[in-house]
């Protein structure tokens, strides 16, 4: 008769369970890793994004009034990205997986405090002292890809129409891409100089690389809304019926 002790059976069961759990965890990790992309794969996808933008055709109403210029650059080469602290604030809450980080600087400020003397027994009133605090002023993009800033200028063909801009900032991780973007209008300083209006509102899309079509659709949605933004501004400027 073959007799097995109960404690041996329990140990064998625990060992088998542990092996199954380890295999299950490895399978989960392996499956999840399929959502990640290498640097080379992301560069290929950025190439598709660049092609999509360069081939964008705006409506005849828009293209008859503007020449569109596309610029692809890197954040560390870009001067004065408007309100980039908005992206910095977002990254401070979502920075674990992204190849970007909030940029922090020290700021001085004045504060009124009680003015004590003689070991704090007597209060002579108040005094102003200087204190320091850390504030988020922007962000640093560490992805080191070929480009992470896209600027689409709609340059007016007519002297009585202002030019427009769409700026897209790209934030990357191994598994997702985030498009931060805004639409804006240029203000003319004189006949040869212009600058973007300072008041803008950032919006953003986040998509996983595994769904390339959805990401391209999001990009085209940004471009289509840009055309609508321009057209609505022109209709308002020239008092045209928007219907």
C-alpha atoms as a PDB file:
ATOM      1  CA  UNK A   1       0.000   0.000   0.000  1.00  0.00           C
ATOM      2  CA  UNK A   2       1.312   3.477  -0.986  1.00  0.00           C
ATOM      3  CA  UNK A   3       0.732   5.879   1.901  1.00  0.00           C
ATOM      4  CA  UNK A   4       1.579   9.610   1.681  1.00  0.00           C
ATOM      5  CA  UNK A   5       1.689  11.904   4.682  1.00  0.00           C
ATOM      6  CA  UNK A   6      -0.832  14.753   4.704  1.00  0.00           C
ATOM      7  CA  UNK A   7       1.823  17.430   5.363  1.00  0.00           C
ATOM      8  CA  UNK A   8       3.804  16.279   2.284  1.00  0.00           C
ATOM      9  CA  UNK A   9       0.674  16.544   0.147  1.00  0.00           C
ATOM     10  CA  UNK A  10       0.059  20.082   1.461  1.00  0.00           C
ATOM     11  CA  UNK A  11       3.659  21.118   0.698  1.00  0.00           C
ATOM     12  CA  UNK A  12       3.408  19.699  -2.831  1.00  0.00           C
ATOM     13  CA  UNK A  13       0.151  21.605  -3.366  1.00  0.00           C
ATOM     14  CA  UNK A  14       1.682  24.886  -2.122  1.00  0.00           C
ATOM     15  CA  UNK A  15       4.720  24.435  -4.359  1.00  0.00           C
ATOM     16  CA  UNK A  16       2.526  23.723  -7.395  1.00  0.00           C
ATOM     17  CA  UNK A  17       0.386  26.772  -6.609  1.00  0.00           C
ATOM     18  CA  UNK A  18       3.462  29.018  -6.314  1.00  0.00           C
ATOM     19  CA  UNK A  19       4.786  27.798  -9.674  1.00  0.00           C
ATOM     20  CA  UNK A  20       1.396  28.486 -11.287  1.00  0.00           C
ATOM     21  CA  UNK A  21       1.271  31.980  -9.762  1.00  0.00           C
ATOM     22  CA  UNK A  22       4.777  32.776 -10.981  1.00  0.00           C
ATOM     23  CA  UNK A  23       3.936  31.578 -14.460  1.00  0.00           C
ATOM     24  CA  UNK A  24       0.709  33.579 -14.428  1.00  0.00           C
ATOM     25  CA  UNK A  25       2.530  36.749 -13.341  1.00  0.00           C
ATOM     26  CA  UNK A  26       5.150  36.281 -16.044  1.00  0.00           C
ATOM     27  CA  UNK A  27       2.448  35.785 -18.647  1.00  0.00           C
ATOM     28  CA  UNK A  28       0.681  38.956 -17.513  1.00  0.00           C
ATOM     29  CA  UNK A  29       3.913  40.968 -17.674  1.00  0.00           C
ATOM     30  CA  UNK A  30       4.812  39.492 -21.053  1.00  0.00           C
ATOM     31  CA  UNK A  31       1.380  40.312 -22.453  1.00  0.00           C
ATOM     32  CA  UNK A  32       1.503  43.870 -21.084  1.00  0.00           C
ATOM     33  CA  UNK A  33       4.984  44.411 -22.549  1.00  0.00           C
ATOM     34  CA  UNK A  34       3.458  44.092 -26.022  1.00  0.00           C
ATOM     35  CA  UNK A  35       1.985  47.560 -25.462  1.00  0.00           C
ATOM     36  CA  UNK A  36       5.467  49.099 -25.173  1.00  0.00           C
ATOM     37  CA  UNK A  37       7.434  50.509 -28.093  1.00  0.00           C
ATOM     38  CA  UNK A  38      11.166  50.865 -28.641  1.00  0.00           C
ATOM     39  CA  UNK A  39      12.831  54.165 -29.483  1.00  0.00           C
ATOM     40  CA  UNK A  40      13.205  53.006 -33.103  1.00  0.00           C
ATOM     41  CA  UNK A  41       9.512  52.073 -33.352  1.00  0.00           C
ATOM     42  CA  UNK A  42       8.469  55.451 -31.921  1.00  0.00           C
ATOM     43  CA  UNK A  43      10.686  57.268 -34.434  1.00  0.00           C
ATOM     44  CA  UNK A  44       8.981  55.363 -37.255  1.00  0.00           C
ATOM     45  CA  UNK A  45       5.595  56.402 -35.883  1.00  0.00           C
ATOM     46  CA  UNK A  46       6.708  60.036 -35.570  1.00  0.00           C
ATOM     47  CA  UNK A  47       7.623  59.802 -39.250  1.00  0.00           C
ATOM     48  CA  UNK A  48       4.028  58.777 -39.983  1.00  0.00           C
ATOM     49  CA  UNK A  49       2.784  61.743 -37.961  1.00  0.00           C
ATOM     50  CA  UNK A  50       5.054  64.099 -39.899  1.00  0.00           C
ATOM     51  CA  UNK A  51       3.809  62.717 -43.214  1.00  0.00           C
ATOM     52  CA  UNK A  52       0.176  63.004 -42.083  1.00  0.00           C
ATOM     53  CA  UNK A  53       0.639  66.676 -41.186  1.00  0.00           C
ATOM     54  CA  UNK A  54       2.626  67.583 -44.296  1.00  0.00           C
ATOM     55  CA  UNK A  55      -0.108  66.031 -46.449  1.00  0.00           C
ATOM     56  CA  UNK A  56      -2.941  67.777 -44.618  1.00  0.00           C
ATOM     57  CA  UNK A  57      -5.360  69.549 -46.937  1.00  0.00           C
ATOM     58  CA  UNK A  58      -7.427  72.302 -45.387  1.00  0.00           C
ATOM     59  CA  UNK A  59     -10.709  73.446 -46.900  1.00  0.00           C
ATOM     60  CA  UNK A  60     -10.644  75.653 -49.999  1.00  0.00           C
ATOM     61  CA  UNK A  61     -12.130  78.503 -47.949  1.00  0.00           C
ATOM     62  CA  UNK A  62      -9.075  78.405 -45.678  1.00  0.00           C
ATOM     63  CA  UNK A  63      -6.361  77.541 -48.186  1.00  0.00           C
ATOM     64  CA  UNK A  64      -7.425  80.377 -50.474  1.00  0.00           C
ATOM     65  CA  UNK A  65      -6.662  82.878 -47.691  1.00  0.00           C
ATOM     66  CA  UNK A  66      -3.604  81.288 -46.045  1.00  0.00           C
ATOM     67  CA  UNK A  67      -0.348  79.569 -46.863  1.00  0.00           C
ATOM     68  CA  UNK A  68       0.358  76.797 -44.358  1.00  0.00           C
ATOM     69  CA  UNK A  69       3.855  76.268 -43.021  1.00  0.00           C
ATOM     70  CA  UNK A  70       4.796  73.204 -40.960  1.00  0.00           C
ATOM     71  CA  UNK A  71       7.724  73.205 -38.558  1.00  0.00           C
ATOM     72  CA  UNK A  72       9.026  70.226 -36.573  1.00  0.00           C
ATOM     73  CA  UNK A  73      11.494  70.981 -33.777  1.00  0.00           C
ATOM     74  CA  UNK A  74      12.592  69.944 -30.291  1.00  0.00           C
ATOM     75  CA  UNK A  75      11.475  71.534 -27.057  1.00  0.00           C
ATOM     76  CA  UNK A  76      15.015  72.339 -25.922  1.00  0.00           C
ATOM     77  CA  UNK A  77      15.540  74.286 -29.168  1.00  0.00           C
ATOM     78  CA  UNK A  78      12.307  76.220 -28.814  1.00  0.00           C
ATOM     79  CA  UNK A  79      12.122  79.708 -27.326  1.00  0.00           C
ATOM     80  CA  UNK A  80       9.235  80.883 -25.181  1.00  0.00           C
ATOM     81  CA  UNK A  81       6.596  78.163 -25.396  1.00  0.00           C
ATOM     82  CA  UNK A  82       3.511  79.958 -24.082  1.00  0.00           C
ATOM     83  CA  UNK A  83       2.236  78.816 -20.657  1.00  0.00           C
ATOM     84  CA  UNK A  84       4.335  75.660 -20.699  1.00  0.00           C
ATOM     85  CA  UNK A  85       3.942  75.475 -16.921  1.00  0.00           C
ATOM     86  CA  UNK A  86       0.509  73.960 -17.655  1.00  0.00           C
ATOM     87  CA  UNK A  87       2.302  70.918 -19.085  1.00  0.00           C
ATOM     88  CA  UNK A  88       4.741  71.007 -16.171  1.00  0.00           C
ATOM     89  CA  UNK A  89       1.851  70.908 -13.687  1.00  0.00           C
ATOM     90  CA  UNK A  90       0.313  67.963 -15.554  1.00  0.00           C
ATOM     91  CA  UNK A  91       3.624  66.089 -15.537  1.00  0.00           C
ATOM     92  CA  UNK A  92       4.072  66.671 -11.803  1.00  0.00           C
ATOM     93  CA  UNK A  93       0.958  64.510 -11.344  1.00  0.00           C
ATOM     94  CA  UNK A  94       1.594  62.021 -14.197  1.00  0.00           C
ATOM     95  CA  UNK A  95       5.376  61.791 -14.514  1.00  0.00           C
ATOM     96  CA  UNK A  96       6.020  58.163 -13.516  1.00  0.00           C
ATOM     97  CA  UNK A  97       6.213  56.695 -17.018  1.00  0.00           C
ATOM     98  CA  UNK A  98       6.694  59.762 -19.204  1.00  0.00           C
ATOM     99  CA  UNK A  99      10.003  60.855 -20.697  1.00  0.00           C
ATOM    100  CA  UNK A 100       9.486  64.412 -19.483  1.00  0.00           C
ATOM    101  CA  UNK A 101       9.473  66.174 -16.131  1.00  0.00           C
ATOM    102  CA  UNK A 102       8.296  69.388 -14.533  1.00  0.00           C
ATOM    103  CA  UNK A 103      10.898  72.161 -14.435  1.00  0.00           C
ATOM    104  CA  UNK A 104      11.091  73.809 -11.026  1.00  0.00           C
ATOM    105  CA  UNK A 105      12.674  77.129 -10.031  1.00  0.00           C
ATOM    106  CA  UNK A 106      13.027  78.895  -6.714  1.00  0.00           C
ATOM    107  CA  UNK A 107      10.911  82.010  -6.262  1.00  0.00           C
ATOM    108  CA  UNK A 108      11.311  84.674  -3.597  1.00  0.00           C
ATOM    109  CA  UNK A 109       8.319  86.299  -1.932  1.00  0.00           C
ATOM    110  CA  UNK A 110       7.643  88.712   0.914  1.00  0.00           C
ATOM    111  CA  UNK A 111       5.748  87.807   4.057  1.00  0.00           C
ATOM    112  CA  UNK A 112       4.642  89.880   7.021  1.00  0.00           C
ATOM    113  CA  UNK A 113       5.487  88.264  10.374  1.00  0.00           C
ATOM    114  CA  UNK A 114       5.364  89.250  14.037  1.00  0.00           C
ATOM    115  CA  UNK A 115       8.519  90.981  15.272  1.00  0.00           C
ATOM    116  CA  UNK A 116       9.436  89.564  18.685  1.00  0.00           C
ATOM    117  CA  UNK A 117      12.470  90.412  20.831  1.00  0.00           C
ATOM    118  CA  UNK A 118      13.872  89.480  24.267  1.00  0.00           C
ATOM    119  CA  UNK A 119      13.287  85.728  23.759  1.00  0.00           C
ATOM    120  CA  UNK A 120       9.876  86.267  22.271  1.00  0.00           C
ATOM    121  CA  UNK A 121       8.364  87.969  25.303  1.00  0.00           C
ATOM    122  CA  UNK A 122       7.593  91.269  23.631  1.00  0.00           C
ATOM    123  CA  UNK A 123       5.977  91.962  20.282  1.00  0.00           C
ATOM    124  CA  UNK A 124       7.178  95.124  18.554  1.00  0.00           C
ATOM    125  CA  UNK A 125       4.609  94.742  15.789  1.00  0.00           C
ATOM    126  CA  UNK A 126       5.333  93.205  12.412  1.00  0.00           C
ATOM    127  CA  UNK A 127       8.144  93.106   9.886  1.00  0.00           C
ATOM    128  CA  UNK A 128       8.538  92.018   6.283  1.00  0.00           C
ATOM    129  CA  UNK A 129      10.879  89.102   5.572  1.00  0.00           C
ATOM    130  CA  UNK A 130      11.915  87.358   2.367  1.00  0.00           C
ATOM    131  CA  UNK A 131      11.062  83.681   1.964  1.00  0.00           C
ATOM    132  CA  UNK A 132      11.618  81.195  -0.858  1.00  0.00           C
ATOM    133  CA  UNK A 133       9.485  78.510  -2.433  1.00  0.00           C
ATOM    134  CA  UNK A 134       9.723  76.106  -5.369  1.00  0.00           C
ATOM    135  CA  UNK A 135       7.342  76.730  -8.271  1.00  0.00           C
ATOM    136  CA  UNK A 136       6.737  74.894 -11.550  1.00  0.00           C
ATOM    137  CA  UNK A 137       7.703  77.132 -14.467  1.00  0.00           C
ATOM    138  CA  UNK A 138       7.638  74.665 -17.358  1.00  0.00           C
ATOM    139  CA  UNK A 139       8.858  71.223 -18.306  1.00  0.00           C
ATOM    140  CA  UNK A 140      11.872  69.397 -19.678  1.00  0.00           C
ATOM    141  CA  UNK A 141      11.398  66.837 -22.446  1.00  0.00           C
ATOM    142  CA  UNK A 142      13.872  63.960 -21.998  1.00  0.00           C
ATOM    143  CA  UNK A 143      12.607  61.680 -24.786  1.00  0.00           C
ATOM    144  CA  UNK A 144      15.442  62.682 -27.146  1.00  0.00           C
ATOM    145  CA  UNK A 145      13.450  61.997 -30.302  1.00  0.00           C
ATOM    146  CA  UNK A 146      13.827  63.754 -33.652  1.00  0.00           C
ATOM    147  CA  UNK A 147      11.041  66.249 -32.841  1.00  0.00           C
ATOM    148  CA  UNK A 148       8.523  66.878 -30.059  1.00  0.00           C
ATOM    149  CA  UNK A 149       7.152  70.319 -30.996  1.00  0.00           C
ATOM    150  CA  UNK A 150       4.989  70.873 -34.075  1.00  0.00           C
ATOM    151  CA  UNK A 151       4.083  74.375 -35.218  1.00  0.00           C
ATOM    152  CA  UNK A 152       1.537  74.939 -37.969  1.00  0.00           C
ATOM    153  CA  UNK A 153       1.435  78.552 -39.104  1.00  0.00           C
ATOM    154  CA  UNK A 154      -1.398  79.791 -41.279  1.00  0.00           C
ATOM    155  CA  UNK A 155       0.267  82.774 -42.956  1.00  0.00           C
ATOM    156  CA  UNK A 156      -2.192  85.275 -44.360  1.00  0.00           C
ATOM    157  CA  UNK A 157      -2.060  86.155 -48.049  1.00  0.00           C
ATOM    158  CA  UNK A 158      -3.911  89.421 -47.401  1.00  0.00           C
ATOM    159  CA  UNK A 159      -2.827  92.511 -45.446  1.00  0.00           C
ATOM    160  CA  UNK A 160      -6.211  92.835 -43.716  1.00  0.00           C
ATOM    161  CA  UNK A 161      -6.203  89.317 -42.288  1.00  0.00           C
ATOM    162  CA  UNK A 162      -4.085  88.229 -39.326  1.00  0.00           C
ATOM    163  CA  UNK A 163      -2.110  84.979 -39.327  1.00  0.00           C
ATOM    164  CA  UNK A 164      -2.759  82.012 -37.050  1.00  0.00           C
ATOM    165  CA  UNK A 165      -0.826  79.293 -35.286  1.00  0.00           C
ATOM    166  CA  UNK A 166      -1.402  75.801 -33.965  1.00  0.00           C
ATOM    167  CA  UNK A 167       1.268  74.445 -31.614  1.00  0.00           C
ATOM    168  CA  UNK A 168       1.450  70.784 -30.598  1.00  0.00           C
ATOM    169  CA  UNK A 169       3.748  69.516 -27.852  1.00  0.00           C
ATOM    170  CA  UNK A 170       4.406  65.765 -27.807  1.00  0.00           C
ATOM    171  CA  UNK A 171       4.986  63.928 -24.519  1.00  0.00           C
ATOM    172  CA  UNK A 172       6.061  60.282 -24.786  1.00  0.00           C
ATOM    173  CA  UNK A 173       6.338  57.142 -22.745  1.00  0.00           C
ATOM    174  CA  UNK A 174       7.100  53.588 -23.858  1.00  0.00           C
ATOM    175  CA  UNK A 175       3.408  52.875 -24.290  1.00  0.00           C
ATOM    176  CA  UNK A 176       1.611  56.145 -25.015  1.00  0.00           C
ATOM    177  CA  UNK A 177       1.774  59.499 -26.736  1.00  0.00           C
ATOM    178  CA  UNK A 178       0.224  62.734 -25.482  1.00  0.00           C
ATOM    179  CA  UNK A 179      -0.603  65.672 -27.745  1.00  0.00           C
ATOM    180  CA  UNK A 180      -0.801  68.978 -25.872  1.00  0.00           C
ATOM    181  CA  UNK A 181      -2.034  71.672 -28.264  1.00  0.00           C
ATOM    182  CA  UNK A 182      -3.462  75.156 -28.597  1.00  0.00           C
ATOM    183  CA  UNK A 183      -4.763  77.452 -31.339  1.00  0.00           C
ATOM    184  CA  UNK A 184      -3.759  81.085 -31.394  1.00  0.00           C
ATOM    185  CA  UNK A 185      -3.631  84.258 -33.440  1.00  0.00           C
ATOM    186  CA  UNK A 186      -0.648  86.433 -34.241  1.00  0.00           C
ATOM    187  CA  UNK A 187      -0.575  90.049 -33.165  1.00  0.00           C
ATOM    188  CA  UNK A 188       1.284  92.380 -35.514  1.00  0.00           C
ATOM    189  CA  UNK A 189       3.821  94.641 -33.790  1.00  0.00           C
ATOM    190  CA  UNK A 190       4.645  96.453 -37.055  1.00  0.00           C
ATOM    191  CA  UNK A 191       4.885  95.610 -40.757  1.00  0.00           C
ATOM    192  CA  UNK A 192       7.678  93.102 -40.193  1.00  0.00           C
ATOM    193  CA  UNK A 193       7.201  91.761 -36.680  1.00  0.00           C
ATOM    194  CA  UNK A 194       4.511  89.661 -35.079  1.00  0.00           C
ATOM    195  CA  UNK A 195       4.015  87.644 -31.918  1.00  0.00           C
ATOM    196  CA  UNK A 196       1.439  85.224 -30.599  1.00  0.00           C
ATOM    197  CA  UNK A 197      -1.240  86.498 -28.269  1.00  0.00           C
ATOM    198  CA  UNK A 198      -0.318  85.521 -24.690  1.00  0.00           C
ATOM    199  CA  UNK A 199      -3.670  84.142 -23.573  1.00  0.00           C
ATOM    200  CA  UNK A 200      -4.011  80.538 -24.711  1.00  0.00           C
ATOM    201  CA  UNK A 201      -5.713  77.394 -23.480  1.00  0.00           C
ATOM    202  CA  UNK A 202      -3.912  74.056 -23.650  1.00  0.00           C
ATOM    203  CA  UNK A 203      -5.922  70.926 -24.479  1.00  0.00           C
ATOM    204  CA  UNK A 204      -4.617  67.389 -24.785  1.00  0.00           C
ATOM    205  CA  UNK A 205      -5.193  63.869 -26.106  1.00  0.00           C
ATOM    206  CA  UNK A 206      -3.498  60.728 -24.761  1.00  0.00           C
ATOM    207  CA  UNK A 207      -3.470  57.553 -26.853  1.00  0.00           C
ATOM    208  CA  UNK A 208      -1.696  54.210 -26.657  1.00  0.00           C
ATOM    209  CA  UNK A 209       0.802  53.298 -29.374  1.00  0.00           C
ATOM    210  CA  UNK A 210      -0.926  49.960 -29.768  1.00  0.00           C
ATOM    211  CA  UNK A 211      -3.830  51.804 -31.413  1.00  0.00           C
ATOM    212  CA  UNK A 212      -2.054  53.795 -34.124  1.00  0.00           C
ATOM    213  CA  UNK A 213      -5.258  54.533 -36.010  1.00  0.00           C
ATOM    214  CA  UNK A 214      -6.863  56.173 -32.974  1.00  0.00           C
ATOM    215  CA  UNK A 215      -3.743  58.313 -32.500  1.00  0.00           C
ATOM    216  CA  UNK A 216      -3.758  59.435 -36.140  1.00  0.00           C
ATOM    217  CA  UNK A 217      -7.490  60.143 -35.855  1.00  0.00           C
ATOM    218  CA  UNK A 218      -6.807  62.298 -32.767  1.00  0.00           C
ATOM    219  CA  UNK A 219      -4.134  64.186 -34.688  1.00  0.00           C
ATOM    220  CA  UNK A 220      -6.484  64.820 -37.609  1.00  0.00           C
ATOM    221  CA  UNK A 221      -9.132  65.986 -35.159  1.00  0.00           C
ATOM    222  CA  UNK A 222      -6.667  68.605 -33.842  1.00  0.00           C
ATOM    223  CA  UNK A 223      -5.966  69.790 -37.398  1.00  0.00           C
ATOM    224  CA  UNK A 224      -9.647  69.867 -38.369  1.00  0.00           C
ATOM    225  CA  UNK A 225     -10.500  71.903 -35.258  1.00  0.00           C
ATOM    226  CA  UNK A 226      -7.692  74.286 -36.181  1.00  0.00           C
ATOM    227  CA  UNK A 227      -9.355  74.931 -39.530  1.00  0.00           C
ATOM    228  CA  UNK A 228     -12.706  75.487 -37.809  1.00  0.00           C
ATOM    229  CA  UNK A 229     -11.055  77.857 -35.310  1.00  0.00           C
ATOM    230  CA  UNK A 230      -9.628  79.963 -38.152  1.00  0.00           C
ATOM    231  CA  UNK A 231     -12.835  79.954 -40.187  1.00  0.00           C
ATOM    232  CA  UNK A 232     -14.984  80.983 -37.222  1.00  0.00           C
ATOM    233  CA  UNK A 233     -12.593  83.829 -36.443  1.00  0.00           C
ATOM    234  CA  UNK A 234     -12.730  85.066 -40.034  1.00  0.00           C
ATOM    235  CA  UNK A 235     -16.520  84.902 -40.126  1.00  0.00           C
ATOM    236  CA  UNK A 236     -16.707  86.873 -36.909  1.00  0.00           C
ATOM    237  CA  UNK A 237     -14.111  89.368 -38.148  1.00  0.00           C
ATOM    238  CA  UNK A 238     -15.968  90.023 -41.414  1.00  0.00           C
ATOM    239  CA  UNK A 239     -19.439  89.612 -39.942  1.00  0.00           C
ATOM    240  CA  UNK A 240     -20.405  86.660 -42.109  1.00  0.00           C
ATOM    241  CA  UNK A 241     -23.334  84.419 -41.318  1.00  0.00           C
ATOM    242  CA  UNK A 242     -21.862  81.294 -39.688  1.00  0.00           C
ATOM    243  CA  UNK A 243     -24.716  79.053 -40.764  1.00  0.00           C
END
